């Protein structure tokens, strides 16, 4: 069997609700600290024989609900080349890891 392969990955932007802005009273007007959650989300998705994504689930949380939700929504919008067996397209699961890093 040849597993499914990602063809297009639209919508993998860092989720805005995972950012936190902290302004210290002592620093007011001088500086602000922007903190962002980082982590890796493990995803399992069913890829149909048509390449359509179905049944996306988090199998390993990043520890952040915002990042986990963003990863699920991103994978739902991706396009895949389906898995094949003996040259015929088949339904198959794919496991992915999406890493979010603040730069």
Protein backbone atom coordinates (compact mmCIF):
# COMPACT_ATOMS: atom_id res chain seq x y z
CA UNK A 1 0.00 0.00 0.00
CA UNK A 2 1.14 3.53 -0.79
CA UNK A 3 -0.09 5.94 1.93
CA UNK A 4 -1.94 9.22 1.30
CA UNK A 5 0.22 12.27 0.54
CA UNK A 6 -0.45 15.93 1.21
CA UNK A 7 -0.92 17.89 -2.01
CA UNK A 8 -1.96 21.32 -0.67
CA UNK A 9 -1.75 22.83 2.82
CA UNK A 10 -3.84 26.00 2.90
CA UNK A 11 -4.83 27.46 6.25
CA UNK A 12 -1.94 26.56 8.56
CA UNK A 13 -1.62 30.03 10.08
CA UNK A 14 -0.88 30.41 13.77
CA UNK A 15 -4.21 30.90 15.60
CA UNK A 16 -4.73 34.41 16.92
CA UNK A 17 -6.39 33.22 20.12
CA UNK A 18 -3.15 31.47 21.16
CA UNK A 19 -1.42 34.83 21.61
CA UNK A 20 -1.46 36.67 24.89
CA UNK A 21 -0.49 40.33 25.32
CA UNK A 22 0.90 41.31 28.71
CA UNK A 23 1.49 44.92 29.65
CA UNK A 24 3.20 45.47 32.99
CA UNK A 25 2.06 48.54 34.90
CA UNK A 26 5.72 49.47 35.52
CA UNK A 27 6.43 49.19 31.78
CA UNK A 28 3.31 50.99 30.59
CA UNK A 29 4.30 53.15 27.67
CA UNK A 30 7.82 51.69 27.52
CA UNK A 31 7.33 48.10 26.42
CA UNK A 32 4.92 45.24 26.12
CA UNK A 33 5.43 41.51 26.17
CA UNK A 34 3.70 39.33 23.61
CA UNK A 35 3.66 35.68 24.53
CA UNK A 36 2.53 32.86 22.28
CA UNK A 37 1.79 29.24 22.93
CA UNK A 38 4.02 26.71 21.19
CA UNK A 39 3.50 23.02 20.72
CA UNK A 40 3.05 20.06 18.44
CA UNK A 41 -0.35 18.57 17.62
CA UNK A 42 -0.64 14.94 16.48
CA UNK A 43 -3.53 14.45 14.06
CA UNK A 44 -5.16 11.36 12.58
CA UNK A 45 -7.36 11.84 9.52
CA UNK A 46 -9.27 9.54 7.24
CA UNK A 47 -8.45 10.27 3.60
CA UNK A 48 -11.09 8.91 1.24
CA UNK A 49 -10.26 7.27 -2.09
CA UNK A 50 -11.22 10.61 -3.69
CA UNK A 51 -8.53 12.48 -1.70
CA UNK A 52 -11.19 14.16 0.45
CA UNK A 53 -10.44 14.56 4.18
CA UNK A 54 -12.83 13.01 6.71
CA UNK A 55 -12.80 12.21 10.41
CA UNK A 56 -9.98 14.48 11.63
CA UNK A 57 -9.07 13.91 15.29
CA UNK A 58 -6.36 14.98 17.72
CA UNK A 59 -4.37 11.97 18.90
CA UNK A 60 -1.76 13.99 20.80
CA UNK A 61 -2.58 17.40 22.22
CA UNK A 62 -0.17 20.32 22.17
CA UNK A 63 -1.50 21.31 25.57
CA UNK A 64 -3.33 24.26 24.01
CA UNK A 65 -6.96 24.03 22.93
CA UNK A 66 -6.36 26.90 20.47
CA UNK A 67 -3.49 25.10 18.72
CA UNK A 68 -5.35 21.79 18.68
CA UNK A 69 -8.43 23.41 17.11
CA UNK A 70 -6.29 25.26 14.55
CA UNK A 71 -4.55 22.04 13.51
CA UNK A 72 -7.84 20.17 13.05
CA UNK A 73 -9.32 23.00 11.00
CA UNK A 74 -6.17 23.26 8.88
CA UNK A 75 -6.08 19.55 8.02
CA UNK A 76 -9.78 19.62 7.11
CA UNK A 77 -8.89 22.14 4.40
CA UNK A 78 -5.87 20.28 3.00
CA UNK A 79 -5.92 18.26 -0.20
CA UNK A 80 -4.43 14.78 -0.46
CA UNK A 81 -3.47 12.30 -3.12
CA UNK A 82 -5.27 9.15 -1.90
CA UNK A 83 -3.59 5.98 -0.73
CA UNK A 84 -3.36 3.23 -3.31
CA UNK A 85 -3.21 -0.54 -3.21
CA UNK A 86 -2.34 -2.43 -6.38
CA UNK A 87 -2.82 0.80 -8.33
CA UNK A 88 -6.37 1.44 -7.06
CA UNK A 89 -7.25 4.39 -4.82
CA UNK A 90 -8.46 3.37 -1.35
CA UNK A 91 -9.61 5.00 1.89
CA UNK A 92 -6.80 5.17 4.45
CA UNK A 93 -5.79 6.92 7.64
CA UNK A 94 -2.86 9.30 7.78
CA UNK A 95 -1.05 10.49 10.91
CA UNK A 96 0.45 13.98 10.90
CA UNK A 97 2.31 16.18 13.36
CA UNK A 98 1.83 19.94 13.12
CA UNK A 99 4.29 22.09 15.04
CA UNK A 100 3.46 25.65 16.06
CA UNK A 101 6.41 27.90 16.89
CA UNK A 102 6.36 31.58 17.80
CA UNK A 103 9.14 33.53 16.09
